[in-house]
C-alpha atoms as a PDB file:
ATOM      1  CA  MET A   1       0.000   0.000   0.000  1.00  0.00           C
ATOM      2  CA  SER A   2       1.276   3.458  -0.928  1.00  0.00           C
ATOM      3  CA  ARG A   3       0.323   6.973   0.134  1.00  0.00           C
ATOM      4  CA  ILE A   4      -0.213   9.074  -2.998  1.00  0.00           C
ATOM      5  CA  VAL A   5      -0.706  12.820  -3.447  1.00  0.00           C
ATOM      6  CA  ILE A   6      -2.419  13.457  -6.788  1.00  0.00           C
ATOM      7  CA  ALA A   7      -2.480  17.037  -8.095  1.00  0.00           C
ATOM      8  CA  LEU A   8      -5.316  17.450 -10.578  1.00  0.00           C
ATOM      9  CA  GLY A   9      -4.732  19.797 -13.496  1.00  0.00           C
ATOM     10  CA  GLY A  10      -7.373  21.974 -15.144  1.00  0.00           C
ATOM     11  CA  ASN A  11      -8.230  19.304 -17.713  1.00  0.00           C
ATOM     12  CA  ALA A  12      -9.425  17.091 -14.851  1.00  0.00           C
ATOM     13  CA  LEU A  13     -11.875  19.798 -13.718  1.00  0.00           C
ATOM     14  CA  GLY A  14     -13.185  21.514 -16.844  1.00  0.00           C
ATOM     15  CA  ALA A  15     -13.521  25.248 -17.497  1.00  0.00           C
ATOM     16  CA  ASN A  16     -17.116  25.736 -16.281  1.00  0.00           C
ATOM     17  CA  LEU A  17     -19.662  24.071 -14.014  1.00  0.00           C
ATOM     18  CA  SER A  18     -21.105  21.858 -16.763  1.00  0.00           C
ATOM     19  CA  ASP A  19     -17.680  20.709 -17.955  1.00  0.00           C
ATOM     20  CA  GLN A  20     -16.586  20.264 -14.351  1.00  0.00           C
ATOM     21  CA  MET A  21     -19.356  17.766 -13.636  1.00  0.00           C
ATOM     22  CA  LYS A  22     -18.347  15.636 -16.650  1.00  0.00           C
ATOM     23  CA  ALA A  23     -14.604  15.884 -16.029  1.00  0.00           C
ATOM     24  CA  VAL A  24     -14.816  15.138 -12.302  1.00  0.00           C
ATOM     25  CA  ARG A  25     -16.937  12.031 -12.910  1.00  0.00           C
ATOM     26  CA  LYS A  26     -14.287  10.639 -15.281  1.00  0.00           C
ATOM     27  CA  THR A  27     -11.465  11.564 -12.907  1.00  0.00           C
ATOM     28  CA  SER A  28     -13.201   9.985  -9.924  1.00  0.00           C
ATOM     29  CA  ARG A  29     -13.623   6.638 -11.638  1.00  0.00           C
ATOM     30  CA  LYS A  30      -9.925   6.451 -12.462  1.00  0.00           C
ATOM     31  CA  ILE A  31      -8.844   7.337  -8.925  1.00  0.00           C
ATOM     32  CA  ALA A  32     -11.315   4.856  -7.430  1.00  0.00           C
ATOM     33  CA  GLU A  33      -9.353   2.109  -9.179  1.00  0.00           C
ATOM     34  CA  LEU A  34      -6.251   3.149  -7.242  1.00  0.00           C
ATOM     35  CA  ILE A  35      -8.079   3.065  -3.938  1.00  0.00           C
ATOM     36  CA  LYS A  36      -9.515  -0.360  -4.756  1.00  0.00           C
ATOM     37  CA  ASP A  37      -5.904  -1.562  -5.008  1.00  0.00           C
ATOM     38  CA  GLY A  38      -5.387  -0.436  -1.411  1.00  0.00           C
ATOM     39  CA  HIS A  39      -3.631   2.904  -1.868  1.00  0.00           C
ATOM     40  CA  GLU A  40      -4.198   5.962   0.344  1.00  0.00           C
ATOM     41  CA  VAL A  41      -4.960   9.044  -1.720  1.00  0.00           C
ATOM     42  CA  VAL A  42      -4.981  12.790  -1.191  1.00  0.00           C
ATOM     43  CA  LEU A  43      -6.412  14.833  -4.059  1.00  0.00           C
ATOM     44  CA  THR A  44      -5.352  18.410  -4.647  1.00  0.00           C
ATOM     45  CA  HIS A  45      -6.568  20.608  -7.470  1.00  0.00           C
ATOM     46  CA  GLY A  46      -6.098  23.911  -9.228  1.00  0.00           C
ATOM     47  CA  ASN A  47      -8.676  26.679  -9.634  1.00  0.00           C
ATOM     48  CA  GLY A  48      -7.181  29.053 -12.219  1.00  0.00           C
ATOM     49  CA  PRO A  49     -10.259  29.385 -14.445  1.00  0.00           C
ATOM     50  CA  GLN A  50     -12.682  29.109 -11.531  1.00  0.00           C
ATOM     51  CA  VAL A  51     -11.174  31.767  -9.272  1.00  0.00           C
ATOM     52  CA  GLY A  52     -10.957  34.195 -12.193  1.00  0.00           C
ATOM     53  CA  LEU A  53     -14.628  33.673 -12.998  1.00  0.00           C
ATOM     54  CA  MET A  54     -15.498  34.112  -9.327  1.00  0.00           C
ATOM     55  CA  LEU A  55     -13.724  37.463  -9.196  1.00  0.00           C
ATOM     56  CA  ASP A  56     -15.452  38.585 -12.402  1.00  0.00           C
ATOM     57  CA  CYS A  57     -18.857  37.637 -10.968  1.00  0.00           C
ATOM     58  CA  PHE A  58     -18.303  39.624  -7.799  1.00  0.00           C
ATOM     59  CA  ASP A  59     -16.888  42.578  -9.743  1.00  0.00           C
ATOM     60  CA  SER A  60     -20.028  42.658 -11.899  1.00  0.00           C
ATOM     61  CA  TYR A  61     -22.311  42.360  -8.880  1.00  0.00           C
ATOM     62  CA  LYS A  62     -20.699  45.143  -6.863  1.00  0.00           C
ATOM     63  CA  VAL A  63     -21.212  47.652  -9.714  1.00  0.00           C
ATOM     64  CA  ASN A  64     -24.901  47.886  -8.811  1.00  0.00           C
ATOM     65  CA  HIS A  65     -24.727  46.922  -5.157  1.00  0.00           C
ATOM     66  CA  ASP A  66     -23.153  48.543  -2.140  1.00  0.00           C
ATOM     67  CA  ILE A  67     -20.794  45.751  -1.137  1.00  0.00           C
ATOM     68  CA  ASP A  68     -17.099  45.497  -0.447  1.00  0.00           C
ATOM     69  CA  ALA A  69     -14.893  43.828  -3.021  1.00  0.00           C
ATOM     70  CA  PHE A  70     -14.350  40.129  -2.433  1.00  0.00           C
ATOM     71  CA  THR A  71     -10.708  39.389  -1.812  1.00  0.00           C
ATOM     72  CA  MET A  72      -8.681  36.805  -3.684  1.00  0.00           C
ATOM     73  CA  SER A  73      -8.318  34.693  -0.524  1.00  0.00           C
ATOM     74  CA  VAL A  74     -12.110  34.597  -0.078  1.00  0.00           C
ATOM     75  CA  CYS A  75     -12.576  33.597  -3.725  1.00  0.00           C
ATOM     76  CA  VAL A  76     -10.020  30.795  -3.319  1.00  0.00           C
ATOM     77  CA  SER A  77     -11.913  29.514  -0.274  1.00  0.00           C
ATOM     78  CA  ILE A  78     -15.204  29.553  -2.197  1.00  0.00           C
ATOM     79  CA  THR A  79     -13.721  27.581  -5.088  1.00  0.00           C
ATOM     80  CA  GLN A  80     -12.255  25.076  -2.623  1.00  0.00           C
ATOM     81  CA  GLY A  81     -15.768  24.513  -1.349  1.00  0.00           C
ATOM     82  CA  TYR A  82     -17.664  24.074  -4.589  1.00  0.00           C
ATOM     83  CA  ILE A  83     -14.974  22.098  -6.413  1.00  0.00           C
ATOM     84  CA  GLY A  84     -14.517  19.951  -3.296  1.00  0.00           C
ATOM     85  CA  TYR A  85     -18.280  19.409  -3.177  1.00  0.00           C
ATOM     86  CA  ASP A  86     -18.282  17.959  -6.693  1.00  0.00           C
ATOM     87  CA  LEU A  87     -15.122  15.934  -6.144  1.00  0.00           C
ATOM     88  CA  GLN A  88     -16.185  14.355  -2.873  1.00  0.00           C
ATOM     89  CA  ASN A  89     -19.650  13.454  -4.157  1.00  0.00           C
ATOM     90  CA  PHE A  90     -18.386  11.898  -7.378  1.00  0.00           C
ATOM     91  CA  MET A  91     -15.569  10.115  -5.531  1.00  0.00           C
ATOM     92  CA  ARG A  92     -18.079   8.710  -3.044  1.00  0.00           C
ATOM     93  CA  GLU A  93     -20.265   7.517  -5.911  1.00  0.00           C
ATOM     94  CA  ALA A  94     -17.348   6.003  -7.827  1.00  0.00           C
ATOM     95  CA  LEU A  95     -16.183   4.134  -4.732  1.00  0.00           C
ATOM     96  CA  LEU A  96     -19.657   2.799  -3.923  1.00  0.00           C
ATOM     97  CA  ASP A  97     -20.008   1.654  -7.544  1.00  0.00           C
ATOM     98  CA  ILE A  98     -17.045  -0.693  -7.023  1.00  0.00           C
ATOM     99  CA  GLY A  99     -18.204  -1.857  -3.601  1.00  0.00           C
ATOM    100  CA  LEU A 100     -16.153   0.432  -1.356  1.00  0.00           C
ATOM    101  CA  SER A 101     -17.676   2.488   1.449  1.00  0.00           C
ATOM    102  CA  ILE A 102     -14.887   4.936   2.257  1.00  0.00           C
ATOM    103  CA  PRO A 103     -15.455   8.376   3.815  1.00  0.00           C
ATOM    104  CA  VAL A 104     -14.450  11.296   1.596  1.00  0.00           C
ATOM    105  CA  SER A 105     -13.609  14.667   3.151  1.00  0.00           C
ATOM    106  CA  THR A 106     -12.803  18.093   1.762  1.00  0.00           C
ATOM    107  CA  VAL A 107     -10.502  20.110   4.008  1.00  0.00           C
ATOM    108  CA  ILE A 108     -10.656  23.890   3.578  1.00  0.00           C
ATOM    109  CA  THR A 109      -6.916  24.456   3.555  1.00  0.00           C
ATOM    110  CA  GLN A 110      -4.894  27.541   4.465  1.00  0.00           C
ATOM    111  CA  VAL A 111      -1.306  27.888   3.286  1.00  0.00           C
ATOM    112  CA  ILE A 112       1.107  30.285   4.964  1.00  0.00           C
ATOM    113  CA  VAL A 113       3.195  32.483   2.676  1.00  0.00           C
ATOM    114  CA  ASP A 114       5.908  35.056   3.395  1.00  0.00           C
ATOM    115  CA  LYS A 115       4.572  38.628   3.314  1.00  0.00           C
ATOM    116  CA  ASP A 116       7.935  39.696   1.866  1.00  0.00           C
ATOM    117  CA  ASP A 117       7.907  37.125  -0.942  1.00  0.00           C
ATOM    118  CA  PRO A 118       9.157  38.929  -4.093  1.00  0.00           C
ATOM    119  CA  ALA A 119       6.245  37.380  -6.011  1.00  0.00           C
ATOM    120  CA  PHE A 120       3.986  40.121  -4.637  1.00  0.00           C
ATOM    121  CA  SER A 121       5.806  42.666  -6.800  1.00  0.00           C
ATOM    122  CA  ASN A 122       5.988  40.380  -9.853  1.00  0.00           C
ATOM    123  CA  PRO A 123       2.600  38.795 -10.711  1.00  0.00           C
ATOM    124  CA  THR A 124       3.000  35.641 -12.830  1.00  0.00           C
ATOM    125  CA  LYS A 125       0.161  33.222 -11.985  1.00  0.00           C
ATOM    126  CA  PRO A 126      -2.502  33.068 -14.745  1.00  0.00           C
ATOM    127  CA  ILE A 127      -6.134  33.031 -13.598  1.00  0.00           C
ATOM    128  CA  GLY A 128      -9.469  33.225 -15.374  1.00  0.00           C
ATOM    129  CA  LEU A 129     -10.259  32.390 -18.970  1.00  0.00           C
ATOM    130  CA  PHE A 130      -8.222  33.296 -22.037  1.00  0.00           C
ATOM    131  CA  LEU A 131      -9.049  36.733 -23.447  1.00  0.00           C
ATOM    132  CA  ASN A 132      -8.825  38.164 -26.939  1.00  0.00           C
ATOM    133  CA  GLU A 133      -6.943  41.406 -27.580  1.00  0.00           C
ATOM    134  CA  ALA A 134      -9.995  43.645 -27.140  1.00  0.00           C
ATOM    135  CA  GLN A 135     -10.942  41.961 -23.853  1.00  0.00           C
ATOM    136  CA  ALA A 136      -7.349  42.248 -22.668  1.00  0.00           C
ATOM    137  CA  GLN A 137      -7.390  46.014 -23.271  1.00  0.00           C
ATOM    138  CA  VAL A 138     -10.562  46.372 -21.202  1.00  0.00           C
ATOM    139  CA  ALA A 139      -9.033  44.327 -18.386  1.00  0.00           C
ATOM    140  CA  ARG A 140      -5.861  46.445 -18.402  1.00  0.00           C
ATOM    141  CA  ALA A 141      -7.996  49.588 -18.176  1.00  0.00           C
ATOM    142  CA  LYS A 142      -9.507  48.134 -14.983  1.00  0.00           C
ATOM    143  CA  GLY A 143      -6.005  47.862 -13.511  1.00  0.00           C
ATOM    144  CA  GLU A 144      -5.511  44.140 -13.993  1.00  0.00           C
ATOM    145  CA  ASP A 145      -2.118  42.679 -14.906  1.00  0.00           C
ATOM    146  CA  ILE A 146      -2.550  40.999 -18.301  1.00  0.00           C
ATOM    147  CA  VAL A 147      -0.003  38.961 -20.236  1.00  0.00           C
ATOM    148  CA  LYS A 148      -0.024  37.175 -23.571  1.00  0.00           C
ATOM    149  CA  ILE A 149       0.426  33.417 -23.287  1.00  0.00           C
ATOM    150  CA  ASP A 150       1.823  31.748 -26.397  1.00  0.00           C
ATOM    151  CA  LYS A 151      -0.655  31.927 -29.285  1.00  0.00           C
ATOM    152  CA  ARG A 152      -3.660  31.115 -27.131  1.00  0.00           C
ATOM    153  CA  GLY A 153      -4.474  34.677 -26.106  1.00  0.00           C
ATOM    154  CA  TYR A 154      -4.250  36.822 -22.981  1.00  0.00           C
ATOM    155  CA  ARG A 155      -4.853  36.111 -19.299  1.00  0.00           C
ATOM    156  CA  GLN A 156      -4.836  37.997 -16.052  1.00  0.00           C
ATOM    157  CA  VAL A 157      -1.875  37.235 -13.787  1.00  0.00           C
ATOM    158  CA  VAL A 158      -1.639  37.646 -10.013  1.00  0.00           C
ATOM    159  CA  ALA A 159       1.053  37.165  -7.394  1.00  0.00           C
ATOM    160  CA  SER A 160       2.038  33.552  -6.720  1.00  0.00           C
ATOM    161  CA  PRO A 161       4.136  33.349  -3.539  1.00  0.00           C
ATOM    162  CA  MET A 162       5.799  30.099  -2.506  1.00  0.00           C
ATOM    163  CA  PRO A 163       4.046  28.038   0.196  1.00  0.00           C
ATOM    164  CA  GLN A 164       5.853  27.996   3.532  1.00  0.00           C
ATOM    165  CA  HIS A 165       3.561  25.728   5.561  1.00  0.00           C
ATOM    166  CA  ILE A 166       0.165  24.047   5.246  1.00  0.00           C
ATOM    167  CA  VAL A 167      -1.863  24.934   8.321  1.00  0.00           C
ATOM    168  CA  GLU A 168      -4.164  21.897   8.186  1.00  0.00           C
ATOM    169  CA  SER A 169      -1.480  19.310   7.308  1.00  0.00           C
ATOM    170  CA  ALA A 170      -1.891  17.477  10.639  1.00  0.00           C
ATOM    171  CA  THR A 171      -5.658  17.274  10.100  1.00  0.00           C
ATOM    172  CA  ILE A 172      -5.140  15.888   6.602  1.00  0.00           C
ATOM    173  CA  LYS A 173      -2.716  13.244   7.915  1.00  0.00           C
ATOM    174  CA  THR A 174      -5.118  12.259  10.696  1.00  0.00           C
ATOM    175  CA  LEU A 175      -7.948  11.727   8.207  1.00  0.00           C
ATOM    176  CA  LEU A 176      -5.644   9.658   5.976  1.00  0.00           C
ATOM    177  CA  ASP A 177      -4.524   7.552   8.930  1.00  0.00           C
ATOM    178  CA  ALA A 178      -8.212   6.927   9.668  1.00  0.00           C
ATOM    179  CA  GLY A 179      -8.709   5.472   6.194  1.00  0.00           C
ATOM    180  CA  GLN A 180     -10.408   8.433   4.525  1.00  0.00           C
ATOM    181  CA  LEU A 181      -9.924   9.868   1.055  1.00  0.00           C
ATOM    182  CA  VAL A 182      -8.974  13.528   1.485  1.00  0.00           C
ATOM    183  CA  ILE A 183      -9.400  16.493  -0.871  1.00  0.00           C
ATOM    184  CA  ALA A 184      -7.142  19.360   0.206  1.00  0.00           C
ATOM    185  CA  CYS A 185      -5.063  22.361  -0.883  1.00  0.00           C
ATOM    186  CA  GLY A 186      -7.699  23.351  -3.438  1.00  0.00           C
ATOM    187  CA  GLY A 187      -6.438  26.083  -5.732  1.00  0.00           C
ATOM    188  CA  GLY A 188      -3.048  25.835  -4.032  1.00  0.00           C
ATOM    189  CA  GLY A 189      -4.623  26.663  -0.682  1.00  0.00           C
ATOM    190  CA  ILE A 190      -5.968  29.905   0.758  1.00  0.00           C
ATOM    191  CA  PRO A 191      -2.945  32.243   0.894  1.00  0.00           C
ATOM    192  CA  VAL A 192      -2.459  33.664   4.390  1.00  0.00           C
ATOM    193  CA  ILE A 193       0.247  35.461   6.337  1.00  0.00           C
ATOM    194  CA  GLU A 194       0.859  35.207  10.071  1.00  0.00           C
ATOM    195  CA  GLN A 195       0.028  38.203  12.240  1.00  0.00           C
ATOM    196  CA  GLY A 196       0.677  36.913  15.741  1.00  0.00           C
ATOM    197  CA  ASN A 197      -1.950  34.213  16.263  1.00  0.00           C
ATOM    198  CA  HIS A 198      -4.094  35.556  13.423  1.00  0.00           C
ATOM    199  CA  LEU A 199      -3.952  34.296   9.848  1.00  0.00           C
ATOM    200  CA  LYS A 200      -4.717  37.079   7.364  1.00  0.00           C
ATOM    201  CA  GLY A 201      -5.699  36.355   3.765  1.00  0.00           C
ATOM    202  CA  VAL A 202      -3.668  38.043   1.030  1.00  0.00           C
ATOM    203  CA  GLN A 203      -4.228  38.905  -2.641  1.00  0.00           C
ATOM    204  CA  ALA A 204      -2.530  35.985  -4.325  1.00  0.00           C
ATOM    205  CA  VAL A 205      -3.016  32.500  -5.769  1.00  0.00           C
ATOM    206  CA  ILE A 206      -0.517  29.838  -4.765  1.00  0.00           C
ATOM    207  CA  ASP A 207       0.509  27.397  -7.469  1.00  0.00           C
ATOM    208  CA  LYS A 208      -1.223  24.116  -6.648  1.00  0.00           C
ATOM    209  CA  ASP A 209       1.782  22.041  -7.723  1.00  0.00           C
ATOM    210  CA  PHE A 210       4.075  23.693  -5.170  1.00  0.00           C
ATOM    211  CA  SER A 211       1.481  23.392  -2.396  1.00  0.00           C
ATOM    212  CA  SER A 212       0.938  19.754  -3.345  1.00  0.00           C
ATOM    213  CA  ALA A 213       4.690  19.156  -3.209  1.00  0.00           C
ATOM    214  CA  LYS A 214       4.818  20.707   0.258  1.00  0.00           C
ATOM    215  CA  LEU A 215       1.914  18.494   1.364  1.00  0.00           C
ATOM    216  CA  ALA A 216       3.565  15.359  -0.036  1.00  0.00           C
ATOM    217  CA  LYS A 217       6.560  16.041   2.185  1.00  0.00           C
ATOM    218  CA  LEU A 218       4.515  16.839   5.306  1.00  0.00           C
ATOM    219  CA  ILE A 219       2.381  13.683   5.143  1.00  0.00           C
ATOM    220  CA  HIS A 220       5.283  11.418   4.096  1.00  0.00           C
ATOM    221  CA  ALA A 221       3.821  10.452   0.711  1.00  0.00           C
ATOM    222  CA  ASP A 222       5.328   7.597  -1.300  1.00  0.00           C
ATOM    223  CA  TYR A 223       4.226   9.081  -4.632  1.00  0.00           C
ATOM    224  CA  PHE A 224       3.672  12.633  -5.831  1.00  0.00           C
ATOM    225  CA  VAL A 225       1.699  12.615  -9.075  1.00  0.00           C
ATOM    226  CA  ILE A 226       0.878  15.654 -11.202  1.00  0.00           C
ATOM    227  CA  LEU A 227      -1.876  15.016 -13.731  1.00  0.00           C
ATOM    228  CA  THR A 228      -1.849  17.234 -16.781  1.00  0.00           C
ATOM    229  CA  ALA A 229      -3.054  17.240 -20.397  1.00  0.00           C
ATOM    230  CA  VAL A 230      -0.107  15.263 -21.796  1.00  0.00           C
ATOM    231  CA  GLU A 231       1.084  11.742 -21.045  1.00  0.00           C
ATOM    232  CA  LYS A 232       4.737  12.751 -20.724  1.00  0.00           C
ATOM    233  CA  VAL A 233       6.928  15.817 -20.420  1.00  0.00           C
ATOM    234  CA  TYR A 234       8.467  16.928 -23.714  1.00  0.00           C
ATOM    235  CA  ILE A 235      11.395  18.994 -24.858  1.00  0.00           C
ATOM    236  CA  ASP A 236      10.870  21.092 -28.002  1.00  0.00           C
ATOM    237  CA  PHE A 237       7.140  20.720 -27.331  1.00  0.00           C
ATOM    238  CA  CYS A 238       4.801  21.402 -30.273  1.00  0.00           C
ATOM    239  CA  THR A 239       7.666  21.464 -32.772  1.00  0.00           C
ATOM    240  CA  PRO A 240       8.708  18.844 -35.339  1.00  0.00           C
ATOM    241  CA  GLU A 241      11.632  18.002 -33.026  1.00  0.00           C
ATOM    242  CA  GLN A 242       9.540  17.356 -29.905  1.00  0.00           C
ATOM    243  CA  SER A 243      10.789  14.450 -27.829  1.00  0.00           C
ATOM    244  CA  ALA A 244       9.145  12.712 -24.859  1.00  0.00           C
ATOM    245  CA  ILE A 245      11.084  12.230 -21.625  1.00  0.00           C
ATOM    246  CA  ASP A 246      10.658   8.967 -19.712  1.00  0.00           C
ATOM    247  CA  THR A 247      12.968   9.797 -16.795  1.00  0.00           C
ATOM    248  CA  MET A 248      15.083  12.803 -15.907  1.00  0.00           C
ATOM    249  CA  THR A 249      17.265  13.666 -12.952  1.00  0.00           C
ATOM    250  CA  CYS A 250      16.972  17.012 -11.221  1.00  0.00           C
ATOM    251  CA  LYS A 251      20.200  18.059 -12.920  1.00  0.00           C
ATOM    252  CA  GLN A 252      18.816  17.192 -16.348  1.00  0.00           C
ATOM    253  CA  ALA A 253      15.542  18.929 -15.547  1.00  0.00           C
ATOM    254  CA  GLN A 254      17.415  22.082 -14.542  1.00  0.00           C
ATOM    255  CA  GLU A 255      19.321  22.047 -17.835  1.00  0.00           C
ATOM    256  CA  HIS A 256      16.030  21.791 -19.748  1.00  0.00           C
ATOM    257  CA  ILE A 257      14.648  24.685 -17.697  1.00  0.00           C
ATOM    258  CA  GLU A 258      17.679  26.842 -18.470  1.00  0.00           C
ATOM    259  CA  ASN A 259      17.243  26.021 -22.158  1.00  0.00           C
ATOM    260  CA  GLY A 260      13.651  27.266 -22.019  1.00  0.00           C
ATOM    261  CA  HIS A 261      11.927  23.965 -22.779  1.00  0.00           C
ATOM    262  CA  PHE A 262       9.115  24.286 -20.230  1.00  0.00           C
ATOM    263  CA  GLY A 263       6.411  26.962 -20.409  1.00  0.00           C
ATOM    264  CA  LYS A 264       6.197  29.314 -17.420  1.00  0.00           C
ATOM    265  CA  GLY A 265       2.426  29.064 -17.141  1.00  0.00           C
ATOM    266  CA  SER A 266       2.192  25.354 -17.823  1.00  0.00           C
ATOM    267  CA  MET A 267       4.917  22.692 -17.514  1.00  0.00           C
ATOM    268  CA  LEU A 268       7.603  24.695 -15.689  1.00  0.00           C
ATOM    269  CA  PRO A 269       5.976  24.777 -12.212  1.00  0.00           C
ATOM    270  CA  LYS A 270       5.077  21.099 -12.521  1.00  0.00           C
ATOM    271  CA  VAL A 271       8.684  20.094 -13.184  1.00  0.00           C
ATOM    272  CA  GLN A 272       9.975  22.432 -10.459  1.00  0.00           C
ATOM    273  CA  ALA A 273       7.495  21.048  -7.922  1.00  0.00           C
ATOM    274  CA  ALA A 274       8.489  17.478  -8.787  1.00  0.00           C
ATOM    275  CA  MET A 275      12.154  18.425  -8.374  1.00  0.00           C
ATOM    276  CA  GLN A 276      11.394  19.978  -5.004  1.00  0.00           C
ATOM    277  CA  VAL A 277       9.763  16.790  -3.717  1.00  0.00           C
ATOM    278  CA  VAL A 278      12.501  14.366  -4.741  1.00  0.00           C
ATOM    279  CA  LYS A 279      15.255  16.660  -3.464  1.00  0.00           C
ATOM    280  CA  GLN A 280      13.634  17.022  -0.040  1.00  0.00           C
ATOM    281  CA  THR A 281      12.156  13.524   0.195  1.00  0.00           C
ATOM    282  CA  PRO A 282      14.209  11.076  -1.913  1.00  0.00           C
ATOM    283  CA  SER A 283      11.937   8.198  -0.834  1.00  0.00           C
ATOM    284  CA  CYS A 284       9.031   9.853  -2.660  1.00  0.00           C
ATOM    285  CA  THR A 285       8.626   9.114  -6.387  1.00  0.00           C
ATOM    286  CA  ALA A 286       7.548  12.070  -8.562  1.00  0.00           C
ATOM    287  CA  LEU A 287       5.510  11.401 -11.709  1.00  0.00           C
ATOM    288  CA  ILE A 288       4.018  13.735 -14.326  1.00  0.00           C
ATOM    289  CA  THR A 289       1.432  12.183 -16.642  1.00  0.00           C
ATOM    290  CA  SER A 290      -2.153  12.368 -17.900  1.00  0.00           C
ATOM    291  CA  LEU A 291      -5.275  11.037 -16.208  1.00  0.00           C
ATOM    292  CA  GLU A 292      -5.383   8.252 -18.791  1.00  0.00           C
ATOM    293  CA  GLY A 293      -1.771   7.352 -17.995  1.00  0.00           C
ATOM    294  CA  LEU A 294      -2.191   7.387 -14.207  1.00  0.00           C
ATOM    295  CA  LEU A 295      -2.353   3.656 -13.482  1.00  0.00           C
ATOM    296  CA  ASP A 296       0.280   2.675 -16.042  1.00  0.00           C
ATOM    297  CA  GLY A 297       2.451   5.570 -14.876  1.00  0.00           C
ATOM    298  CA  LEU A 298       2.495   4.325 -11.291  1.00  0.00           C
ATOM    299  CA  ASP A 299       3.536   0.928 -12.665  1.00  0.00           C
ATOM    300  CA  GLY A 300       6.444   2.573 -14.513  1.00  0.00           C
ATOM    301  CA  MET A 301       4.979   2.010 -17.986  1.00  0.00           C
ATOM    302  CA  THR A 302       4.365   5.618 -19.027  1.00  0.00           C
ATOM    303  CA  GLY A 303       4.639   9.199 -17.788  1.00  0.00           C
ATOM    304  CA  THR A 304       7.768  11.123 -16.854  1.00  0.00           C
ATOM    305  CA  ARG A 305       9.569  10.317 -13.605  1.00  0.00           C
ATOM    306  CA  ILE A 306      11.810  12.882 -11.939  1.00  0.00           C
ATOM    307  CA  THR A 307      14.622  11.442  -9.815  1.00  0.00           C
ATOM    308  CA  PRO A 308      17.164  13.078  -7.475  1.00  0.00           C
END
C-alpha cells in the first residue's frame, strides 16, 4: 500500500460548471481504481479558471450593489468549497459503484506564505479564462495585470508566492490515517500570512503544484503525481523536433529549464514542484502524466519520472 498525493490539473476539472461535472466524474472513476488496489490518496486541485470567474462575478455584482470587493483569498476559499463538493460526491459515488464504502472529506486548507515574498511585486500566476486582444485592453484599463500566453491569447496574472507551511497538514494526515480519502489544498490553498496568532488572507493565488509538493513532504507520501493534459513531459514541445522524456534527474531537468523547454504558465511549475519533492524527500517518487496514464504511470509504464 502506498500513500499518494495526486495534483489534478485543469483538464481534470473543466472550465465551467457543466464541464466540471463531466470531467470530475471521469477523474473519480480512475482514482477509485487506485483506492480499490489499497492505496491511500490525497487529491489536490487547481482553480485558475474558476477563481478568475469568481472574481469577475463579484466585480459585476458590486457595480450595482453597495458591497465590499471580495478578496482573492475569499474567492479561493469559495472555489475550494464548490470544487470539493463535486469531487467528494463523485468520488463517493465512484467508490460505492465498485463496492467500497470509504469516507471522503474536503478540508478547507490555508497555506502560509511570506509577506515579503518577491512574487507580490511580480505577478506571474494566470487566472481566469483566455481573453482576446480587445478583452485584454478592457481588463488592463480596470487595472488588472494581463499577459499574452503563447498563441492562445491573454490572461490575467496575479502574485504567486511560494508556500511555507500548510496549516491543516496534521488534520489531513489524521484523516488519511483513519482510512479516509482527502481532498485538500484546493487552488493551491488559501494564501495567508501570520500576524501573531491571526492568519490574514492576502491577494494571491498559490501554485497548486508547489502546495501539493509541500503536502507530499509533510504527510510522508510515497508518490507525488501531477496530472496534466499530456502523457509525458516533452522537450521542443509542439515542434517537429519534440521528444518525450521517460525519466530525468533534477540536474537534467534544470538544464532543460535553463534552455527554455518548459512553459512558465504550464509545464515549468510542474517540473519544479516534482524536483522539489525528490530533493527534499528522496523516498518519494515524482511522476508527471495524464489522467489516462495514471495507473500505467504508477507501474512505470508511461509518464515522466523525476529522480534526485
